Amino acid sequence: MGEPRFAARYEDRYGEAPISQAAAYYDVVHLIGHGLDDVGSGSLQTWLSGVAEFVGVQGIYSPNTYANGELSRSVQIIQMNKDQVTQLTHYDEGICRIRCGD
């Protein structure tokens, strides 16, 4: 995954292991943080539309690829615990690719 220190950084900040959904929230907060660092008081939307690639915990986001605000059309549902990250399912372009219907 894109941010190998995620679980450790999360535990340092919050004093407990992340829940399964925490990675998605983490990515969004850090993506917006990077944008604000880059543009300051400028337009975050303009900045996002120029970002070709942002590597997050759940994969690579490509804000400038889609004209409708989507960051990715690849969605992974992951489960995280203290010892491992497990991919539960994966959709790409709306098609289930891994563990469909299990």
C-alpha atoms as a PDB file:
ATOM      1  CA  MET A   1       0.000   0.000   0.000  1.00  0.00           C
ATOM      2  CA  GLY A   2       1.020   3.591  -0.431  1.00  0.00           C
ATOM      3  CA  GLU A   3       1.671   4.609   3.185  1.00  0.00           C
ATOM      4  CA  PRO A   4       3.413   1.762   5.026  1.00  0.00           C
ATOM      5  CA  ARG A   5       3.674   3.712   8.288  1.00  0.00           C
ATOM      6  CA  PHE A   6      -0.070   4.338   8.494  1.00  0.00           C
ATOM      7  CA  ALA A   7      -0.896   1.963  11.356  1.00  0.00           C
ATOM      8  CA  ALA A   8       2.090   3.094  13.433  1.00  0.00           C
ATOM      9  CA  ARG A   9       1.329   6.779  12.852  1.00  0.00           C
ATOM     10  CA  TYR A  10      -2.336   6.204  13.687  1.00  0.00           C
ATOM     11  CA  GLU A  11      -1.443   4.409  16.916  1.00  0.00           C
ATOM     12  CA  ASP A  12       1.010   7.168  17.882  1.00  0.00           C
ATOM     13  CA  ARG A  13      -1.686   9.809  17.356  1.00  0.00           C
ATOM     14  CA  TYR A  14      -4.721   8.056  18.839  1.00  0.00           C
ATOM     15  CA  GLY A  15      -3.235   5.457  21.197  1.00  0.00           C
ATOM     16  CA  GLU A  16      -5.016   2.515  19.581  1.00  0.00           C
ATOM     17  CA  ALA A  17      -4.969   0.496  16.371  1.00  0.00           C
ATOM     18  CA  PRO A  18      -7.024   1.859  13.452  1.00  0.00           C
ATOM     19  CA  ILE A  19     -10.451   0.413  12.676  1.00  0.00           C
ATOM     20  CA  SER A  20     -11.076  -1.060   9.217  1.00  0.00           C
ATOM     21  CA  GLN A  21     -12.470   2.153   7.716  1.00  0.00           C
ATOM     22  CA  ALA A  22      -9.818   4.496   9.107  1.00  0.00           C
ATOM     23  CA  ALA A  23      -7.590   4.371   6.014  1.00  0.00           C
ATOM     24  CA  ALA A  24     -10.158   6.057   3.774  1.00  0.00           C
ATOM     25  CA  TYR A  25     -10.598   8.949   6.192  1.00  0.00           C
ATOM     26  CA  TYR A  26      -6.839   9.237   6.678  1.00  0.00           C
ATOM     27  CA  ASP A  27      -6.242   9.479   2.924  1.00  0.00           C
ATOM     28  CA  VAL A  28      -8.818  12.222   2.444  1.00  0.00           C
ATOM     29  CA  VAL A  29      -7.494  14.338   5.295  1.00  0.00           C
ATOM     30  CA  HIS A  30      -3.922  14.034   4.056  1.00  0.00           C
ATOM     31  CA  LEU A  31      -4.878  14.692   0.431  1.00  0.00           C
ATOM     32  CA  ILE A  32      -6.658  17.907   1.425  1.00  0.00           C
ATOM     33  CA  GLY A  33      -3.754  18.837   3.701  1.00  0.00           C
ATOM     34  CA  HIS A  34      -1.306  18.478   0.821  1.00  0.00           C
ATOM     35  CA  GLY A  35      -3.568  20.642  -1.324  1.00  0.00           C
ATOM     36  CA  LEU A  36      -3.819  23.385   1.261  1.00  0.00           C
ATOM     37  CA  ASP A  37      -0.043  23.312   1.729  1.00  0.00           C
ATOM     38  CA  ASP A  38       0.387  23.778  -2.018  1.00  0.00           C
ATOM     39  CA  VAL A  39      -2.198  26.479  -2.691  1.00  0.00           C
ATOM     40  CA  GLY A  40      -2.588  28.236   0.652  1.00  0.00           C
ATOM     41  CA  SER A  41      -5.648  30.392   0.289  1.00  0.00           C
ATOM     42  CA  GLY A  42      -5.966  29.539  -3.409  1.00  0.00           C
ATOM     43  CA  SER A  43      -8.503  27.199  -4.933  1.00  0.00           C
ATOM     44  CA  LEU A  44      -8.319  23.636  -3.621  1.00  0.00           C
ATOM     45  CA  GLN A  45     -10.542  22.443  -6.488  1.00  0.00           C
ATOM     46  CA  THR A  46      -8.128  23.923  -9.029  1.00  0.00           C
ATOM     47  CA  TRP A  47      -5.233  22.257  -7.231  1.00  0.00           C
ATOM     48  CA  LEU A  48      -7.018  18.877  -7.159  1.00  0.00           C
ATOM     49  CA  SER A  49      -7.769  19.029 -10.877  1.00  0.00           C
ATOM     50  CA  GLY A  50      -4.025  19.342 -11.523  1.00  0.00           C
ATOM     51  CA  VAL A  51      -2.965  16.385  -9.353  1.00  0.00           C
ATOM     52  CA  ALA A  52      -2.110  13.417 -11.556  1.00  0.00           C
ATOM     53  CA  GLU A  53      -1.293  11.018  -8.736  1.00  0.00           C
ATOM     54  CA  PHE A  54      -1.689  10.906  -4.956  1.00  0.00           C
ATOM     55  CA  VAL A  55      -0.500   7.745  -3.205  1.00  0.00           C
ATOM     56  CA  GLY A  56      -2.638   6.872  -0.188  1.00  0.00           C
ATOM     57  CA  VAL A  57      -3.115   3.883   2.089  1.00  0.00           C
ATOM     58  CA  GLN A  58      -5.770   2.354  -0.149  1.00  0.00           C
ATOM     59  CA  GLY A  59      -3.982   2.966  -3.430  1.00  0.00           C
ATOM     60  CA  ILE A  60      -3.355   5.667  -5.981  1.00  0.00           C
ATOM     61  CA  TYR A  61      -5.828   8.505  -6.465  1.00  0.00           C
ATOM     62  CA  SER A  62      -5.923  10.448  -9.741  1.00  0.00           C
ATOM     63  CA  PRO A  63      -7.998  13.616  -9.241  1.00  0.00           C
ATOM     64  CA  ASN A  64      -7.158  15.121 -12.640  1.00  0.00           C
ATOM     65  CA  THR A  65      -8.361  12.038 -14.541  1.00  0.00           C
ATOM     66  CA  TYR A  66     -12.069  12.541 -13.864  1.00  0.00           C
ATOM     67  CA  ALA A  67     -14.002  15.749 -14.476  1.00  0.00           C
ATOM     68  CA  ASN A  68     -16.660  15.032 -11.842  1.00  0.00           C
ATOM     69  CA  GLY A  69     -14.676  15.124  -8.604  1.00  0.00           C
ATOM     70  CA  GLU A  70     -13.972  11.401  -8.414  1.00  0.00           C
ATOM     71  CA  LEU A  71     -10.533  10.532  -7.106  1.00  0.00           C
ATOM     72  CA  SER A  72     -10.493   6.919  -8.240  1.00  0.00           C
ATOM     73  CA  ARG A  73     -12.716   4.301  -9.772  1.00  0.00           C
ATOM     74  CA  SER A  74     -10.810   1.585  -8.004  1.00  0.00           C
ATOM     75  CA  VAL A  75     -12.186   0.855  -4.547  1.00  0.00           C
ATOM     76  CA  GLN A  76     -10.697  -1.550  -2.057  1.00  0.00           C
ATOM     77  CA  ILE A  77     -12.391  -2.603   1.126  1.00  0.00           C
ATOM     78  CA  ILE A  78      -9.623  -3.383   3.578  1.00  0.00           C
ATOM     79  CA  GLN A  79      -9.448  -4.559   7.147  1.00  0.00           C
ATOM     80  CA  MET A  80      -6.603  -3.444   9.339  1.00  0.00           C
ATOM     81  CA  ASN A  81      -5.477  -4.715  12.679  1.00  0.00           C
ATOM     82  CA  LYS A  82      -2.290  -4.372  14.663  1.00  0.00           C
ATOM     83  CA  ASP A  83      -0.472  -7.111  12.741  1.00  0.00           C
ATOM     84  CA  GLN A  84      -1.745  -6.954   9.175  1.00  0.00           C
ATOM     85  CA  VAL A  85      -3.761  -5.323   6.420  1.00  0.00           C
ATOM     86  CA  THR A  86      -6.215  -7.654   4.671  1.00  0.00           C
ATOM     87  CA  GLN A  87      -7.954  -6.815   1.411  1.00  0.00           C
ATOM     88  CA  LEU A  88     -11.575  -7.934   1.732  1.00  0.00           C
ATOM     89  CA  THR A  89     -12.702  -7.021  -1.792  1.00  0.00           C
ATOM     90  CA  HIS A  90     -11.672  -4.834  -4.734  1.00  0.00           C
ATOM     91  CA  TYR A  91     -13.745  -3.057  -7.364  1.00  0.00           C
ATOM     92  CA  ASP A  92     -12.217  -1.517 -10.479  1.00  0.00           C
ATOM     93  CA  GLU A  93     -14.322   0.662 -12.799  1.00  0.00           C
ATOM     94  CA  GLY A  94     -17.404  -0.684 -10.970  1.00  0.00           C
ATOM     95  CA  ILE A  95     -16.509  -4.338 -11.578  1.00  0.00           C
ATOM     96  CA  CYS A  96     -15.745  -6.587  -8.641  1.00  0.00           C
ATOM     97  CA  ARG A  97     -12.289  -8.112  -9.150  1.00  0.00           C
ATOM     98  CA  ILE A  98     -11.439  -9.847  -5.872  1.00  0.00           C
ATOM     99  CA  ARG A  99     -13.618 -11.856  -3.450  1.00  0.00           C
ATOM    100  CA  CYS A 100     -16.874 -11.096  -5.180  1.00  0.00           C
ATOM    101  CA  GLY A 101     -19.944 -12.495  -3.465  1.00  0.00           C
ATOM    102  CA  ASP A 102     -18.007 -14.327  -0.768  1.00  0.00           C
END
